Amino acid sequence: MPSAAAPKARRAERLSAGYGAILHIIDRAKDAARVDAVLLADGMHVGFEPVGFRKVSAISMAPFTLFADEAIAGKKLFAITHSTIQTPYASTTETAEFLARHRGLAGRPQ
């Protein structure tokens, strides 16, 4: 019986996915290299550090932080929006403020 040829890999021109999928994609260097832009509309959430009150987990934010570095360098596009909704996990406001502080961006995200 003839063997079926494996389908050729196709490059995705655009990808629409939720926060969790985006996080896992940009967390893998090989996959992140294929992504040129990310838009998170009120969707960047992570957990908190095990100690301290509502301290955003730097480890959980690492994929976003690295992608933000690429955007700051002009290599990627990274756009985020946030609301003021309080959540039991790090809210979109808290994660946006974390990125702004961590990357020395002036002012508070609006």
PDB file of N, CA and C in Angstrom:
ATOM      1  N   MET A   1       0.846  -1.164   0.000  1.00  0.00           N
ATOM      2  CA  MET A   1       0.000   0.000   0.000  1.00  0.00           C
ATOM      3  C   MET A   1       0.898   1.236   0.000  1.00  0.00           C
ATOM      4  N   PRO A   2       0.657   2.179  -0.894  1.00  0.00           N
ATOM      5  CA  PRO A   2       1.494   3.382  -0.929  1.00  0.00           C
ATOM      6  C   PRO A   2       1.271   4.224   0.318  1.00  0.00           C
ATOM      7  N   SER A   3       2.369   4.840   0.787  1.00  0.00           N
ATOM      8  CA  SER A   3       2.234   5.690   1.974  1.00  0.00           C
ATOM      9  C   SER A   3       1.734   7.073   1.569  1.00  0.00           C
ATOM     10  N   ALA A   4       0.912   7.621   2.401  1.00  0.00           N
ATOM     11  CA  ALA A   4       0.371   8.949   2.135  1.00  0.00           C
ATOM     12  C   ALA A   4       1.430   9.988   2.467  1.00  0.00           C
ATOM     13  N   ALA A   5       1.591  10.932   1.587  1.00  0.00           N
ATOM     14  CA  ALA A   5       2.549  12.003   1.834  1.00  0.00           C
ATOM     15  C   ALA A   5       1.989  12.934   2.909  1.00  0.00           C
ATOM     16  N   ALA A   6       2.866  13.366   3.766  1.00  0.00           N
ATOM     17  CA  ALA A   6       2.447  14.298   4.808  1.00  0.00           C
ATOM     18  C   ALA A   6       2.107  15.637   4.173  1.00  0.00           C
ATOM     19  N   PRO A   7       1.057  16.279   4.640  1.00  0.00           N
ATOM     20  CA  PRO A   7       0.711  17.587   4.069  1.00  0.00           C
ATOM     21  C   PRO A   7       1.825  18.586   4.356  1.00  0.00           C
ATOM     22  N   LYS A   8       2.051  19.486   3.416  1.00  0.00           N
ATOM     23  CA  LYS A   8       3.066  20.514   3.605  1.00  0.00           C
ATOM     24  C   LYS A   8       2.580  21.506   4.661  1.00  0.00           C
ATOM     25  N   ALA A   9       3.505  21.945   5.482  1.00  0.00           N
ATOM     26  CA  ALA A   9       3.171  22.934   6.502  1.00  0.00           C
ATOM     27  C   ALA A   9       2.852  24.260   5.818  1.00  0.00           C
ATOM     28  N   ARG A  10       1.812  24.899   6.277  1.00  0.00           N
ATOM     29  CA  ARG A  10       1.421  26.190   5.722  1.00  0.00           C
ATOM     30  C   ARG A  10       1.640  27.261   6.764  1.00  0.00           C
ATOM     31  N   ARG A  11       2.070  28.388   6.316  1.00  0.00           N
ATOM     32  CA  ARG A  11       2.267  29.530   7.210  1.00  0.00           C
ATOM     33  C   ARG A  11       0.930  30.241   7.376  1.00  0.00           C
ATOM     34  N   ALA A  12       0.541  30.435   8.613  1.00  0.00           N
ATOM     35  CA  ALA A  12      -0.701  31.155   8.883  1.00  0.00           C
ATOM     36  C   ALA A  12      -0.469  32.642   8.657  1.00  0.00           C
ATOM     37  N   GLU A  13      -1.272  33.238   7.822  1.00  0.00           N
ATOM     38  CA  GLU A  13      -1.151  34.670   7.573  1.00  0.00           C
ATOM     39  C   GLU A  13      -1.741  35.459   8.736  1.00  0.00           C
ATOM     40  N   ARG A  14      -2.859  35.022   9.237  1.00  0.00           N
ATOM     41  CA  ARG A  14      -3.492  35.661  10.388  1.00  0.00           C
ATOM     42  C   ARG A  14      -4.017  34.559  11.305  1.00  0.00           C
ATOM     43  N   LEU A  15      -3.970  34.841  12.572  1.00  0.00           N
ATOM     44  CA  LEU A  15      -4.411  33.868  13.562  1.00  0.00           C
ATOM     45  C   LEU A  15      -5.294  34.597  14.559  1.00  0.00           C
ATOM     46  N   SER A  16      -6.432  34.026  14.835  1.00  0.00           N
ATOM     47  CA  SER A  16      -7.318  34.573  15.851  1.00  0.00           C
ATOM     48  C   SER A  16      -7.430  33.523  16.947  1.00  0.00           C
ATOM     49  N   ALA A  17      -7.098  33.906  18.153  1.00  0.00           N
ATOM     50  CA  ALA A  17      -7.137  32.955  19.255  1.00  0.00           C
ATOM     51  C   ALA A  17      -7.378  33.705  20.552  1.00  0.00           C
ATOM     52  N   GLY A  18      -7.775  32.980  21.552  1.00  0.00           N
ATOM     53  CA  GLY A  18      -7.990  33.567  22.861  1.00  0.00           C
ATOM     54  C   GLY A  18      -6.691  33.750  23.612  1.00  0.00           C
ATOM     55  N   TYR A  19      -6.810  34.362  24.760  1.00  0.00           N
ATOM     56  CA  TYR A  19      -5.654  34.678  25.589  1.00  0.00           C
ATOM     57  C   TYR A  19      -4.781  33.463  25.865  1.00  0.00           C
ATOM     58  N   GLY A  20      -5.375  32.361  26.281  1.00  0.00           N
ATOM     59  CA  GLY A  20      -4.597  31.176  26.643  1.00  0.00           C
ATOM     60  C   GLY A  20      -3.802  30.629  25.477  1.00  0.00           C
ATOM     61  N   ALA A  21      -4.425  30.568  24.313  1.00  0.00           N
ATOM     62  CA  ALA A  21      -3.720  30.065  23.125  1.00  0.00           C
ATOM     63  C   ALA A  21      -2.574  30.997  22.751  1.00  0.00           C
ATOM     64  N   ILE A  22      -2.826  32.300  22.780  1.00  0.00           N
ATOM     65  CA  ILE A  22      -1.772  33.269  22.463  1.00  0.00           C
ATOM     66  C   ILE A  22      -0.606  33.113  23.432  1.00  0.00           C
ATOM     67  N   LEU A  23      -0.904  33.008  24.709  1.00  0.00           N
ATOM     68  CA  LEU A  23       0.145  32.832  25.709  1.00  0.00           C
ATOM     69  C   LEU A  23       1.009  31.620  25.391  1.00  0.00           C
ATOM     70  N   HIS A  24       0.384  30.493  25.072  1.00  0.00           N
ATOM     71  CA  HIS A  24       1.153  29.274  24.792  1.00  0.00           C
ATOM     72  C   HIS A  24       1.926  29.370  23.477  1.00  0.00           C
ATOM     73  N   ILE A  25       1.385  30.051  22.504  1.00  0.00           N
ATOM     74  CA  ILE A  25       2.085  30.208  21.219  1.00  0.00           C
ATOM     75  C   ILE A  25       3.322  31.080  21.402  1.00  0.00           C
ATOM     76  N   ILE A  26       3.178  32.238  22.038  1.00  0.00           N
ATOM     77  CA  ILE A  26       4.338  33.123  22.166  1.00  0.00           C
ATOM     78  C   ILE A  26       5.301  32.671  23.256  1.00  0.00           C
ATOM     79  N   ASP A  27       4.923  31.648  24.026  1.00  0.00           N
ATOM     80  CA  ASP A  27       5.815  31.087  25.038  1.00  0.00           C
ATOM     81  C   ASP A  27       6.837  30.140  24.419  1.00  0.00           C
ATOM     82  N   ARG A  28       6.620  29.700  23.210  1.00  0.00           N
ATOM     83  CA  ARG A  28       7.560  28.808  22.499  1.00  0.00           C
ATOM     84  C   ARG A  28       8.300  29.635  21.452  1.00  0.00           C
ATOM     85  N   ALA A  29       9.602  29.761  21.593  1.00  0.00           N
ATOM     86  CA  ALA A  29      10.408  30.639  20.729  1.00  0.00           C
ATOM     87  C   ALA A  29      10.179  30.361  19.251  1.00  0.00           C
ATOM     88  N   LYS A  30      10.121  29.097  18.870  1.00  0.00           N
ATOM     89  CA  LYS A  30       9.937  28.753  17.456  1.00  0.00           C
ATOM     90  C   LYS A  30       8.586  29.266  16.939  1.00  0.00           C
ATOM     91  N   ASP A  31       7.550  29.125  17.740  1.00  0.00           N
ATOM     92  CA  ASP A  31       6.226  29.603  17.343  1.00  0.00           C
ATOM     93  C   ASP A  31       6.150  31.126  17.419  1.00  0.00           C
ATOM     94  N   ALA A  32       6.723  31.705  18.460  1.00  0.00           N
ATOM     95  CA  ALA A  32       6.703  33.160  18.623  1.00  0.00           C
ATOM     96  C   ALA A  32       7.399  33.854  17.456  1.00  0.00           C
ATOM     97  N   ALA A  33       8.418  33.236  16.916  1.00  0.00           N
ATOM     98  CA  ALA A  33       9.145  33.821  15.785  1.00  0.00           C
ATOM     99  C   ALA A  33       8.251  33.968  14.556  1.00  0.00           C
ATOM    100  N   ARG A  34       7.221  33.159  14.458  1.00  0.00           N
ATOM    101  CA  ARG A  34       6.308  33.207  13.315  1.00  0.00           C
ATOM    102  C   ARG A  34       5.195  34.238  13.486  1.00  0.00           C
ATOM    103  N   VAL A  35       5.086  34.808  14.665  1.00  0.00           N
ATOM    104  CA  VAL A  35       4.018  35.768  14.967  1.00  0.00           C
ATOM    105  C   VAL A  35       4.580  37.175  14.835  1.00  0.00           C
ATOM    106  N   ASP A  36       3.922  38.004  14.005  1.00  0.00           N
ATOM    107  CA  ASP A  36       4.421  39.369  13.848  1.00  0.00           C
ATOM    108  C   ASP A  36       3.581  40.394  14.604  1.00  0.00           C
ATOM    109  N   ALA A  37       2.393  40.024  15.041  1.00  0.00           N
ATOM    110  CA  ALA A  37       1.540  40.971  15.752  1.00  0.00           C
ATOM    111  C   ALA A  37       0.593  40.243  16.693  1.00  0.00           C
ATOM    112  N   VAL A  38       0.347  40.865  17.841  1.00  0.00           N
ATOM    113  CA  VAL A  38      -0.611  40.345  18.814  1.00  0.00           C
ATOM    114  C   VAL A  38      -1.480  41.504  19.284  1.00  0.00           C
ATOM    115  N   LEU A  39      -2.783  41.280  19.289  1.00  0.00           N
ATOM    116  CA  LEU A  39      -3.745  42.222  19.867  1.00  0.00           C
ATOM    117  C   LEU A  39      -4.498  41.472  20.952  1.00  0.00           C
ATOM    118  N   LEU A  40      -4.405  41.941  22.158  1.00  0.00           N
ATOM    119  CA  LEU A  40      -5.151  41.362  23.270  1.00  0.00           C
ATOM    120  C   LEU A  40      -6.152  42.408  23.742  1.00  0.00           C
ATOM    121  N   ALA A  41      -7.398  42.200  23.396  1.00  0.00           N
ATOM    122  CA  ALA A  41      -8.464  43.125  23.774  1.00  0.00           C
ATOM    123  C   ALA A  41      -9.035  42.693  25.122  1.00  0.00           C
ATOM    124  N   ASP A  42      -8.631  43.400  26.172  1.00  0.00           N
ATOM    125  CA  ASP A  42      -9.047  43.098  27.539  1.00  0.00           C
ATOM    126  C   ASP A  42      -8.845  41.620  27.847  1.00  0.00           C
ATOM    127  N   GLY A  43      -7.651  41.115  27.500  1.00  0.00           N
ATOM    128  CA  GLY A  43      -7.451  39.683  27.655  1.00  0.00           C
ATOM    129  C   GLY A  43      -6.101  39.241  28.150  1.00  0.00           C
ATOM    130  N   MET A  44      -5.308  40.103  28.744  1.00  0.00           N
ATOM    131  CA  MET A  44      -4.000  39.665  29.237  1.00  0.00           C
ATOM    132  C   MET A  44      -4.114  39.423  30.748  1.00  0.00           C
ATOM    133  N   HIS A  45      -4.311  38.168  31.109  1.00  0.00           N
ATOM    134  CA  HIS A  45      -4.467  37.779  32.509  1.00  0.00           C
ATOM    135  C   HIS A  45      -3.379  36.781  32.882  1.00  0.00           C
ATOM    136  N   VAL A  46      -2.922  36.846  34.109  1.00  0.00           N
ATOM    137  CA  VAL A  46      -2.009  35.836  34.654  1.00  0.00           C
ATOM    138  C   VAL A  46      -2.329  35.679  36.136  1.00  0.00           C
ATOM    139  N   GLY A  47      -1.589  34.817  36.786  1.00  0.00           N
ATOM    140  CA  GLY A  47      -1.762  34.633  38.220  1.00  0.00           C
ATOM    141  C   GLY A  47      -0.894  35.599  39.014  1.00  0.00           C
ATOM    142  N   PHE A  48      -0.920  35.410  40.310  1.00  0.00           N
ATOM    143  CA  PHE A  48      -0.127  36.241  41.208  1.00  0.00           C
ATOM    144  C   PHE A  48       1.055  35.461  41.750  1.00  0.00           C
ATOM    145  N   GLU A  49       2.044  36.191  42.257  1.00  0.00           N
ATOM    146  CA  GLU A  49       3.166  35.580  42.970  1.00  0.00           C
ATOM    147  C   GLU A  49       2.603  34.887  44.209  1.00  0.00           C
ATOM    148  N   PRO A  50       3.247  33.808  44.664  1.00  0.00           N
ATOM    149  CA  PRO A  50       2.718  33.092  45.832  1.00  0.00           C
ATOM    150  C   PRO A  50       2.774  33.904  47.128  1.00  0.00           C
ATOM    151  N   VAL A  51       3.628  34.921  47.188  1.00  0.00           N
ATOM    152  CA  VAL A  51       3.699  35.779  48.370  1.00  0.00           C
ATOM    153  C   VAL A  51       3.441  37.221  47.950  1.00  0.00           C
ATOM    154  N   GLY A  52       2.885  37.972  48.844  1.00  0.00           N
ATOM    155  CA  GLY A  52       2.586  39.371  48.541  1.00  0.00           C
ATOM    156  C   GLY A  52       1.150  39.506  48.086  1.00  0.00           C
ATOM    157  N   PHE A  53       0.591  40.665  48.326  1.00  0.00           N
ATOM    158  CA  PHE A  53      -0.808  40.904  47.983  1.00  0.00           C
ATOM    159  C   PHE A  53      -0.922  41.395  46.553  1.00  0.00           C
ATOM    160  N   ARG A  54      -1.593  40.637  45.709  1.00  0.00           N
ATOM    161  CA  ARG A  54      -1.878  40.994  44.319  1.00  0.00           C
ATOM    162  C   ARG A  54      -0.638  41.443  43.557  1.00  0.00           C
ATOM    163  N   LYS A  55       0.458  40.706  43.718  1.00  0.00           N
ATOM    164  CA  LYS A  55       1.689  40.981  42.978  1.00  0.00           C
ATOM    165  C   LYS A  55       1.686  40.092  41.738  1.00  0.00           C
ATOM    166  N   VAL A  56       1.685  40.708  40.552  1.00  0.00           N
ATOM    167  CA  VAL A  56       1.616  39.989  39.277  1.00  0.00           C
ATOM    168  C   VAL A  56       2.811  39.051  39.149  1.00  0.00           C
ATOM    169  N   SER A  57       2.562  37.830  38.716  1.00  0.00           N
ATOM    170  CA  SER A  57       3.611  36.827  38.550  1.00  0.00           C
ATOM    171  C   SER A  57       4.506  37.165  37.358  1.00  0.00           C
ATOM    172  N   ALA A  58       5.754  37.498  37.650  1.00  0.00           N
ATOM    173  CA  ALA A  58       6.721  37.829  36.596  1.00  0.00           C
ATOM    174  C   ALA A  58       6.979  36.628  35.687  1.00  0.00           C
ATOM    175  N   ILE A  59       6.991  35.440  36.258  1.00  0.00           N
ATOM    176  CA  ILE A  59       7.226  34.229  35.450  1.00  0.00           C
ATOM    177  C   ILE A  59       6.075  34.023  34.474  1.00  0.00           C
ATOM    178  N   SER A  60       4.855  34.187  34.950  1.00  0.00           N
ATOM    179  CA  SER A  60       3.696  34.021  34.070  1.00  0.00           C
ATOM    180  C   SER A  60       3.647  35.098  32.991  1.00  0.00           C
ATOM    181  N   MET A  61       4.179  36.275  33.283  1.00  0.00           N
ATOM    182  CA  MET A  61       4.183  37.383  32.331  1.00  0.00           C
ATOM    183  C   MET A  61       5.333  37.296  31.329  1.00  0.00           C
ATOM    184  N   ALA A  62       6.285  36.387  31.541  1.00  0.00           N
ATOM    185  CA  ALA A  62       7.495  36.328  30.708  1.00  0.00           C
ATOM    186  C   ALA A  62       7.214  36.286  29.199  1.00  0.00           C
ATOM    187  N   PRO A  63       6.280  35.456  28.700  1.00  0.00           N
ATOM    188  CA  PRO A  63       6.044  35.462  27.256  1.00  0.00           C
ATOM    189  C   PRO A  63       5.572  36.830  26.748  1.00  0.00           C
ATOM    190  N   PHE A  64       4.728  37.499  27.522  1.00  0.00           N
ATOM    191  CA  PHE A  64       4.252  38.828  27.133  1.00  0.00           C
ATOM    192  C   PHE A  64       5.378  39.854  27.211  1.00  0.00           C
ATOM    193  N   THR A  65       6.207  39.741  28.245  1.00  0.00           N
ATOM    194  CA  THR A  65       7.323  40.658  28.419  1.00  0.00           C
ATOM    195  C   THR A  65       8.304  40.540  27.256  1.00  0.00           C
ATOM    196  N   LEU A  66       8.621  39.310  26.862  1.00  0.00           N
ATOM    197  CA  LEU A  66       9.530  39.101  25.731  1.00  0.00           C
ATOM    198  C   LEU A  66       8.932  39.633  24.433  1.00  0.00           C
ATOM    199  N   PHE A  67       7.641  39.412  24.221  1.00  0.00           N
ATOM    200  CA  PHE A  67       6.988  39.919  23.011  1.00  0.00           C
ATOM    201  C   PHE A  67       6.970  41.442  23.038  1.00  0.00           C
ATOM    202  N   ALA A  68       6.746  42.027  24.211  1.00  0.00           N
ATOM    203  CA  ALA A  68       6.772  43.489  24.350  1.00  0.00           C
ATOM    204  C   ALA A  68       8.151  44.038  24.012  1.00  0.00           C
ATOM    205  N   ASP A  69       9.203  43.333  24.420  1.00  0.00           N
ATOM    206  CA  ASP A  69      10.567  43.751  24.074  1.00  0.00           C
ATOM    207  C   ASP A  69      10.744  43.829  22.558  1.00  0.00           C
ATOM    208  N   GLU A  70      10.217  42.821  21.856  1.00  0.00           N
ATOM    209  CA  GLU A  70      10.307  42.802  20.391  1.00  0.00           C
ATOM    210  C   GLU A  70       9.528  43.975  19.795  1.00  0.00           C
ATOM    211  N   ALA A  71       8.401  44.303  20.389  1.00  0.00           N
ATOM    212  CA  ALA A  71       7.601  45.429  19.898  1.00  0.00           C
ATOM    213  C   ALA A  71       8.318  46.751  20.148  1.00  0.00           C
ATOM    214  N   ILE A  72       8.899  46.898  21.315  1.00  0.00           N
ATOM    215  CA  ILE A  72       9.636  48.120  21.635  1.00  0.00           C
ATOM    216  C   ILE A  72      10.816  48.299  20.679  1.00  0.00           C
ATOM    217  N   ALA A  73      11.416  47.184  20.271  1.00  0.00           N
ATOM    218  CA  ALA A  73      12.541  47.222  19.327  1.00  0.00           C
ATOM    219  C   ALA A  73      12.079  47.437  17.885  1.00  0.00           C
ATOM    220  N   GLY A  74      10.764  47.500  17.680  1.00  0.00           N
ATOM    221  CA  GLY A  74      10.229  47.731  16.342  1.00  0.00           C
ATOM    222  C   GLY A  74      10.145  46.489  15.471  1.00  0.00           C
ATOM    223  N   LYS A  75      10.294  45.312  16.071  1.00  0.00           N
ATOM    224  CA  LYS A  75      10.275  44.061  15.314  1.00  0.00           C
ATOM    225  C   LYS A  75       8.897  43.408  15.265  1.00  0.00           C
ATOM    226  N   LYS A  76       8.041  43.743  16.203  1.00  0.00           N
ATOM    227  CA  LYS A  76       6.699  43.158  16.303  1.00  0.00           C
ATOM    228  C   LYS A  76       5.704  44.265  16.614  1.00  0.00           C
ATOM    229  N   LEU A  77       4.440  43.931  16.498  1.00  0.00           N
ATOM    230  CA  LEU A  77       3.371  44.829  16.923  1.00  0.00           C
ATOM    231  C   LEU A  77       2.663  44.161  18.089  1.00  0.00           C
ATOM    232  N   PHE A  78       2.550  44.872  19.200  1.00  0.00           N
ATOM    233  CA  PHE A  78       1.892  44.330  20.382  1.00  0.00           C
ATOM    234  C   PHE A  78       0.959  45.401  20.911  1.00  0.00           C
ATOM    235  N   ALA A  79      -0.337  45.158  20.798  1.00  0.00           N
ATOM    236  CA  ALA A  79      -1.344  46.103  21.254  1.00  0.00           C
ATOM    237  C   ALA A  79      -2.227  45.425  22.291  1.00  0.00           C
ATOM    238  N   ILE A  80      -2.461  46.142  23.379  1.00  0.00           N
ATOM    239  CA  ILE A  80      -3.314  45.604  24.431  1.00  0.00           C
ATOM    240  C   ILE A  80      -4.307  46.679  24.853  1.00  0.00           C
ATOM    241  N   THR A  81      -5.467  46.234  25.282  1.00  0.00           N
ATOM    242  CA  THR A  81      -6.431  47.116  25.922  1.00  0.00           C
ATOM    243  C   THR A  81      -6.742  46.500  27.278  1.00  0.00           C
ATOM    244  N   HIS A  82      -7.270  47.323  28.169  1.00  0.00           N
ATOM    245  CA  HIS A  82      -7.628  46.787  29.487  1.00  0.00           C
ATOM    246  C   HIS A  82      -8.846  47.513  30.025  1.00  0.00           C
ATOM    247  N   SER A  83      -9.509  46.838  30.935  1.00  0.00           N
ATOM    248  CA  SER A  83     -10.661  47.432  31.619  1.00  0.00           C
ATOM    249  C   SER A  83     -10.279  47.629  33.076  1.00  0.00           C
ATOM    250  N   THR A  84     -11.218  48.095  33.854  1.00  0.00           N
ATOM    251  CA  THR A  84     -10.961  48.285  35.284  1.00  0.00           C
ATOM    252  C   THR A  84     -11.711  47.251  36.124  1.00  0.00           C
ATOM    253  N   ILE A  85     -12.040  46.145  35.515  1.00  0.00           N
ATOM    254  CA  ILE A  85     -12.768  45.092  36.223  1.00  0.00           C
ATOM    255  C   ILE A  85     -11.818  44.367  37.170  1.00  0.00           C
ATOM    256  N   GLN A  86     -12.193  44.308  38.446  1.00  0.00           N
ATOM    257  CA  GLN A  86     -11.405  43.588  39.441  1.00  0.00           C
ATOM    258  C   GLN A  86     -11.658  42.096  39.285  1.00  0.00           C
ATOM    259  N   THR A  87     -10.604  41.301  39.289  1.00  0.00           N
ATOM    260  CA  THR A  87     -10.709  39.855  39.098  1.00  0.00           C
ATOM    261  C   THR A  87      -9.960  39.130  40.212  1.00  0.00           C
ATOM    262  N   PRO A  88     -10.249  37.849  40.432  1.00  0.00           N
ATOM    263  CA  PRO A  88      -9.510  37.091  41.452  1.00  0.00           C
ATOM    264  C   PRO A  88      -8.095  36.729  40.994  1.00  0.00           C
ATOM    265  N   TYR A  89      -7.782  36.925  39.734  1.00  0.00           N
ATOM    266  CA  TYR A  89      -6.445  36.735  39.168  1.00  0.00           C
ATOM    267  C   TYR A  89      -5.970  38.105  38.705  1.00  0.00           C
ATOM    268  N   ALA A  90      -4.744  38.218  38.241  1.00  0.00           N
ATOM    269  CA  ALA A  90      -4.221  39.524  37.822  1.00  0.00           C
ATOM    270  C   ALA A  90      -5.069  40.066  36.674  1.00  0.00           C
ATOM    271  N   SER A  91      -5.662  41.208  36.906  1.00  0.00           N
ATOM    272  CA  SER A  91      -6.568  41.816  35.929  1.00  0.00           C
ATOM    273  C   SER A  91      -5.782  42.372  34.743  1.00  0.00           C
ATOM    274  N   THR A  92      -6.508  42.751  33.712  1.00  0.00           N
ATOM    275  CA  THR A  92      -5.854  43.328  32.537  1.00  0.00           C
ATOM    276  C   THR A  92      -5.197  44.667  32.880  1.00  0.00           C
ATOM    277  N   THR A  93      -5.761  45.408  33.825  1.00  0.00           N
ATOM    278  CA  THR A  93      -5.131  46.651  34.261  1.00  0.00           C
ATOM    279  C   THR A  93      -3.822  46.348  34.977  1.00  0.00           C
ATOM    280  N   GLU A  94      -3.834  45.367  35.872  1.00  0.00           N
ATOM    281  CA  GLU A  94      -2.618  45.016  36.615  1.00  0.00           C
ATOM    282  C   GLU A  94      -1.524  44.495  35.695  1.00  0.00           C
ATOM    283  N   THR A  95      -1.885  43.696  34.693  1.00  0.00           N
ATOM    284  CA  THR A  95      -0.867  43.172  33.778  1.00  0.00           C
ATOM    285  C   THR A  95      -0.331  44.274  32.858  1.00  0.00           C
ATOM    286  N   ALA A  96      -1.193  45.195  32.432  1.00  0.00           N
ATOM    287  CA  ALA A  96      -0.736  46.319  31.602  1.00  0.00           C
ATOM    288  C   ALA A  96       0.215  47.201  32.409  1.00  0.00           C
ATOM    289  N   GLU A  97      -0.137  47.468  33.650  1.00  0.00           N
ATOM    290  CA  GLU A  97       0.739  48.271  34.501  1.00  0.00           C
ATOM    291  C   GLU A  97       2.059  47.562  34.766  1.00  0.00           C
ATOM    292  N   PHE A  98       2.024  46.232  34.929  1.00  0.00           N
ATOM    293  CA  PHE A  98       3.246  45.455  35.112  1.00  0.00           C
ATOM    294  C   PHE A  98       4.179  45.663  33.918  1.00  0.00           C
ATOM    295  N   LEU A  99       3.640  45.520  32.703  1.00  0.00           N
ATOM    296  CA  LEU A  99       4.474  45.699  31.504  1.00  0.00           C
ATOM    297  C   LEU A  99       5.030  47.116  31.422  1.00  0.00           C
ATOM    298  N   ALA A 100       4.203  48.096  31.697  1.00  0.00           N
ATOM    299  CA  ALA A 100       4.657  49.489  31.621  1.00  0.00           C
ATOM    300  C   ALA A 100       5.777  49.749  32.624  1.00  0.00           C
ATOM    301  N   ARG A 101       5.603  49.297  33.849  1.00  0.00           N
ATOM    302  CA  ARG A 101       6.636  49.460  34.878  1.00  0.00           C
ATOM    303  C   ARG A 101       7.897  48.691  34.530  1.00  0.00           C
ATOM    304  N   HIS A 102       7.719  47.438  34.133  1.00  0.00           N
ATOM    305  CA  HIS A 102       8.856  46.560  33.865  1.00  0.00           C
ATOM    306  C   HIS A 102       9.696  47.056  32.699  1.00  0.00           C
ATOM    307  N   ARG A 103       9.067  47.696  31.752  1.00  0.00           N
ATOM    308  CA  ARG A 103       9.781  48.164  30.562  1.00  0.00           C
ATOM    309  C   ARG A 103      10.065  49.655  30.596  1.00  0.00           C
ATOM    310  N   GLY A 104       9.818  50.286  31.742  1.00  0.00           N
ATOM    311  CA  GLY A 104      10.164  51.691  31.908  1.00  0.00           C
ATOM    312  C   GLY A 104       9.384  52.636  31.017  1.00  0.00           C
ATOM    313  N   LEU A 105       8.163  52.247  30.685  1.00  0.00           N
ATOM    314  CA  LEU A 105       7.329  53.125  29.865  1.00  0.00           C
ATOM    315  C   LEU A 105       6.741  54.209  30.737  1.00  0.00           C
ATOM    316  N   ALA A 106       6.752  55.412  30.252  1.00  0.00           N
ATOM    317  CA  ALA A 106       6.293  56.551  31.037  1.00  0.00           C
ATOM    318  C   ALA A 106       4.789  56.521  31.236  1.00  0.00           C
ATOM    319  N   GLY A 107       4.377  57.001  32.387  1.00  0.00           N
ATOM    320  CA  GLY A 107       2.951  57.157  32.643  1.00  0.00           C
ATOM    321  C   GLY A 107       2.250  55.853  32.929  1.00  0.00           C
ATOM    322  N   ARG A 108       1.009  55.991  33.239  1.00  0.00           N
ATOM    323  CA  ARG A 108       0.152  54.838  33.507  1.00  0.00           C
ATOM    324  C   ARG A 108      -0.609  54.500  32.242  1.00  0.00           C
ATOM    325  N   PRO A 109      -0.733  53.212  31.914  1.00  0.00           N
ATOM    326  CA  PRO A 109      -1.520  52.844  30.732  1.00  0.00           C
ATOM    327  C   PRO A 109      -2.924  53.411  30.840  1.00  0.00           C
ATOM    328  N   GLN A 110      -3.460  53.889  29.745  1.00  0.00           N
ATOM    329  CA  GLN A 110      -4.813  54.454  29.723  1.00  0.00           C
ATOM    330  C   GLN A 110      -5.731  53.550  28.951  1.00  0.00           C
TER     331      GLN A 110
END
